[in-house]
Protein backbone atom coordinates (compact mmCIF):
# COMPACT_ATOMS: atom_id res chain seq x y z
CA UNK A 1 -1.48 0.85 -9.68
CA UNK A 2 -4.13 1.54 -7.48
CA UNK A 3 -4.55 5.23 -6.31
CA UNK A 4 -4.39 4.63 -2.67
CA UNK A 5 -1.61 2.64 -3.20
CA UNK A 6 0.22 5.13 -5.02
CA UNK A 7 -0.42 7.30 -2.08
CA UNK A 8 0.86 5.09 0.39
CA UNK A 9 4.13 4.54 -1.53
CA UNK A 10 4.44 8.31 -2.12
CA UNK A 11 4.12 8.73 2.03
CA UNK A 12 6.73 5.78 2.30
CA UNK A 13 9.12 7.74 0.21
CA UNK A 14 8.76 10.72 2.27
CA UNK A 15 9.60 8.37 5.15
CA UNK A 16 12.71 7.40 3.36
CA UNK A 17 13.97 10.87 2.87
CA UNK A 18 13.19 11.72 6.50
CA UNK A 19 14.91 9.21 7.80
CA UNK A 20 17.96 9.04 5.47
CA UNK A 21 18.33 12.90 6.57
CA UNK A 22 17.97 11.95 10.27
CA UNK A 23 20.56 9.03 9.85
CA UNK A 24 23.46 11.23 8.43
CA UNK A 25 22.53 13.63 11.42
CA UNK A 26 23.15 10.42 14.26
CA UNK A 27 19.29 11.24 15.18
CA UNK A 28 18.19 7.65 15.62
CA UNK A 29 15.59 8.44 18.16
CA UNK A 30 13.97 10.20 15.34
CA UNK A 31 14.07 7.32 13.07
CA UNK A 32 12.71 5.24 16.02
CA UNK A 33 9.98 7.01 16.56
CA UNK A 34 8.94 7.96 12.89
CA UNK A 35 9.17 4.19 12.22
CA UNK A 36 7.07 3.30 14.95
CA UNK A 37 4.31 6.20 14.26
CA UNK A 38 4.20 5.12 10.28
CA UNK A 39 3.48 1.47 11.27
CA UNK A 40 0.86 1.83 14.10
CA UNK A 41 -1.16 5.18 12.34
CA UNK A 42 -0.49 4.83 8.64
CA UNK A 43 -0.25 1.27 8.27
CA UNK A 44 -2.23 -0.69 10.80
CA UNK A 45 -4.95 1.81 11.94
CA UNK A 46 -5.40 2.79 8.26
CA UNK A 47 -3.88 0.90 5.14
CA UNK A 48 -3.89 -2.45 6.30
CA UNK A 49 -7.45 -2.00 7.48
CA UNK A 50 -8.87 -0.99 4.09
CA UNK A 51 -6.60 -3.55 2.45
CA UNK A 52 -8.61 -6.68 3.84
CA UNK A 53 -11.14 -6.97 1.22
CA UNK A 54 -9.05 -6.55 -1.75
CA UNK A 55 -6.14 -9.43 0.04
CA UNK A 56 -8.39 -11.73 1.15
CA UNK A 57 -11.52 -11.93 -0.95
CA UNK A 58 -10.19 -10.39 -4.60
CA UNK A 59 -9.04 -13.12 -7.00
CA UNK A 60 -5.36 -13.94 -7.05
CA UNK A 61 -4.68 -12.29 -10.47
CA UNK A 62 -7.04 -9.32 -9.76
CA UNK A 63 -5.32 -5.98 -10.58
CA UNK A 64 -6.20 -4.35 -7.32
CA UNK A 65 -5.16 -7.37 -5.76
CA UNK A 66 -1.88 -7.31 -7.22
CA UNK A 67 -1.58 -3.73 -6.78
CA UNK A 68 -2.03 -4.01 -2.99
CA UNK A 69 0.57 -6.91 -3.09
CA UNK A 70 3.06 -4.72 -4.85
CA UNK A 71 2.85 -1.56 -2.49
CA UNK A 72 2.87 -3.83 0.47
CA UNK A 73 6.20 -5.48 -0.51
CA UNK A 74 7.71 -2.46 -1.26
CA UNK A 75 6.90 -0.80 1.96
CA UNK A 76 7.95 -3.58 4.04
CA UNK A 77 11.24 -3.77 2.16
CA UNK A 78 11.87 0.03 2.55
CA UNK A 79 10.88 -0.44 6.71
CA UNK A 80 12.96 -3.36 7.10
CA UNK A 81 16.07 -1.66 5.45
CA UNK A 82 15.46 1.65 7.44
CA UNK A 83 14.86 -0.44 10.70
CA UNK A 84 18.04 -2.62 10.36
CA UNK A 85 20.28 -0.54 12.43
CA UNK A 86 17.94 -0.23 15.31
CA UNK A 87 16.53 -3.82 15.54
CA UNK A 88 19.75 -5.52 14.10
CA UNK A 89 19.25 -9.32 14.88
CA UNK A 90 15.30 -9.14 14.27
CA UNK A 91 16.19 -7.37 10.92
CA UNK A 92 18.60 -10.18 9.92
CA UNK A 93 16.29 -12.92 10.57
CA UNK A 94 13.36 -11.34 8.66
CA UNK A 95 15.82 -10.60 5.84
CA UNK A 96 16.46 -14.47 5.59
CA UNK A 97 12.63 -15.21 4.99
CA UNK A 98 11.75 -12.15 2.90
CA UNK A 99 11.46 -12.44 -0.89
CA UNK A 100 14.40 -11.55 -2.68
CA UNK A 101 15.03 -10.54 -6.13
CA UNK A 102 18.25 -11.31 -8.08
CA UNK A 103 21.13 -9.26 -6.85
CA UNK A 104 19.67 -8.72 -3.57
CA UNK A 105 22.52 -9.35 -0.90
CA UNK A 106 22.73 -12.21 1.56
CA UNK A 107 22.40 -9.94 4.71
CA UNK A 108 20.46 -6.85 5.66
CA UNK A 109 23.73 -5.28 6.83
CA UNK A 110 25.11 -5.36 3.42
CA UNK A 111 22.43 -3.94 2.11
CA UNK A 112 22.15 0.13 1.30
CA UNK A 113 19.30 2.21 2.60
CA UNK A 114 16.83 2.67 -0.28
CA UNK A 115 16.30 5.66 -2.14
CA UNK A 116 13.10 7.81 -2.11
CA UNK A 117 12.70 7.20 -5.94
CA UNK A 118 13.31 3.75 -5.47
CA UNK A 119 10.07 3.10 -3.97
CA UNK A 120 8.06 4.10 -7.53
CA UNK A 121 4.40 4.78 -8.16
CA UNK A 122 4.36 8.43 -6.62
CA UNK A 123 1.41 10.48 -6.72
CA UNK A 124 1.03 14.29 -7.84
CA UNK A 125 0.34 17.04 -5.36
CA UNK A 126 -3.19 17.13 -5.99
CA UNK A 127 -3.91 13.35 -5.60
CA UNK A 128 -2.15 13.25 -2.67
CA UNK A 129 -4.33 16.40 -0.86
CA UNK A 130 -7.60 14.72 -2.12
CA UNK A 131 -6.34 11.58 0.25
CA UNK A 132 -5.10 13.58 3.12
CA UNK A 133 -8.40 14.95 3.05
CA UNK A 134 -10.36 11.72 2.74
CA UNK A 135 -8.19 10.60 5.63
CA UNK A 136 -9.68 13.35 8.04
CA UNK A 137 -13.07 12.61 6.95
CA UNK A 138 -12.80 8.76 7.57
CA UNK A 139 -11.39 9.77 11.11
CA UNK A 140 -14.64 11.88 11.58
CA UNK A 141 -16.93 8.83 10.18
CA UNK A 142 -15.13 6.27 12.58
CA UNK A 143 -15.86 8.81 15.20
CA UNK A 144 -19.46 8.74 14.60
CA UNK A 145 -19.65 5.05 13.88
CA UNK A 146 -18.54 4.40 17.47
CA UNK A 147 -20.81 6.47 18.98
CA UNK A 148 -23.70 4.37 16.86
CA UNK A 149 -22.41 1.07 18.20
CA UNK A 150 -22.42 2.64 21.55
CA UNK A 151 -26.28 3.79 20.94
CA UNK A 152 -27.02 0.25 19.87
CA UNK A 153 -28.22 1.89 16.29
CA UNK A 154 -25.83 -0.72 14.78
CA UNK A 155 -23.59 -3.36 15.95
CA UNK A 156 -20.80 -3.23 13.05
CA UNK A 157 -19.58 -1.04 10.60
CA UNK A 158 -20.71 -3.06 7.56
CA UNK A 159 -24.53 -2.49 8.66
CA UNK A 160 -23.72 1.72 8.51
CA UNK A 161 -25.21 3.96 6.33
CA UNK A 162 -23.26 7.21 6.44
CA UNK A 163 -24.42 10.70 5.83
CA UNK A 164 -21.94 13.34 5.06
CA UNK A 165 -22.51 17.31 4.74
CA UNK A 166 -20.37 18.14 1.96
CA UNK A 167 -19.12 21.40 0.32
CA UNK A 168 -18.01 21.86 -2.91
CA UNK A 169 -14.35 20.69 -2.53
CA UNK A 170 -15.25 17.58 -0.36
CA UNK A 171 -17.85 16.63 -3.24
CA UNK A 172 -15.08 17.21 -6.02
CA UNK A 173 -12.70 15.36 -3.75
CA UNK A 174 -15.16 12.27 -3.58
CA UNK A 175 -16.03 12.30 -6.87
CA UNK A 176 -12.04 12.17 -8.33
CA UNK A 177 -11.52 9.40 -5.88
CA UNK A 178 -14.71 7.66 -5.85
CA UNK A 179 -13.64 4.27 -6.57
CA UNK A 180 -10.59 4.47 -4.40
CA UNK A 181 -12.76 6.37 -1.80
CA UNK A 182 -15.24 3.76 -1.33
CA UNK A 183 -12.27 1.36 -0.69
CA UNK A 184 -10.85 3.01 2.09
CA UNK A 185 -14.01 3.05 3.76
CA UNK A 186 -15.29 0.25 6.21
CA UNK A 187 -19.10 0.65 6.18
CA UNK A 188 -21.90 -0.18 3.60
CA UNK A 189 -23.09 3.20 2.12
CA UNK A 190 -22.24 6.72 1.85
CA UNK A 191 -24.26 9.42 0.73
CA UNK A 192 -23.87 13.22 0.45
CA UNK A 193 -26.25 15.37 2.42
CA UNK A 194 -27.23 19.28 2.69
CA UNK A 195 -23.89 21.11 1.32
CA UNK A 196 -22.06 22.43 4.29
CA UNK A 197 -18.74 24.71 4.67
CA UNK A 198 -17.49 22.31 7.18
CA UNK A 199 -16.68 19.42 4.80
CA UNK A 200 -17.19 15.85 6.15
CA UNK A 201 -17.54 17.19 10.07
CA UNK A 202 -20.36 15.64 12.38
CA UNK A 203 -21.42 12.85 9.87
CA UNK A 204 -24.45 11.03 10.73
CA UNK A 205 -24.67 7.11 10.78
CA UNK A 206 -27.98 5.10 10.54
CA UNK A 207 -28.26 1.52 9.98
CA UNK A 208 -28.41 0.51 6.51
């Protein structure tokens, strides 16, 4: 699988661990907030945003597209199971239309919570740390893109050329995740500028 997809699955596995603990402790409000934040921040604002090209434009049997589909399916199934006690009727309706494998039960309320190891495709600590750093840099770049749009320098992110001031840590991170880091961006070009101790801070955006 693609490294970005494995990273998101590892984050999903961590969410599963936490939610199972909170259910056992009857801390249902913490489950609700964790699922809500994961759906809004991790999935909607980031992961689904960068998956659009792979899902909409890549060939049906392309490895990267199938990797994304597999990850989305596993994430969706985990979230459905974890949210079933909270949105009982909605979860049951989703379950009826959800793709099922052999051995899956007829009702969402008969299924067990997933185990973290069932999510699969984990990422090692170094790889996960690289993606955490890239996520911070992406946030900084999106802020700079918004400023460039407001200044009428660009009309959209795909017109932008981004200049990053990168020290040795960020340069190594970008080199290690070059293919994946390009796929997690929504701008057309990225260049590394003068070395800086503040990796990825205050990026510059120009019309490409």
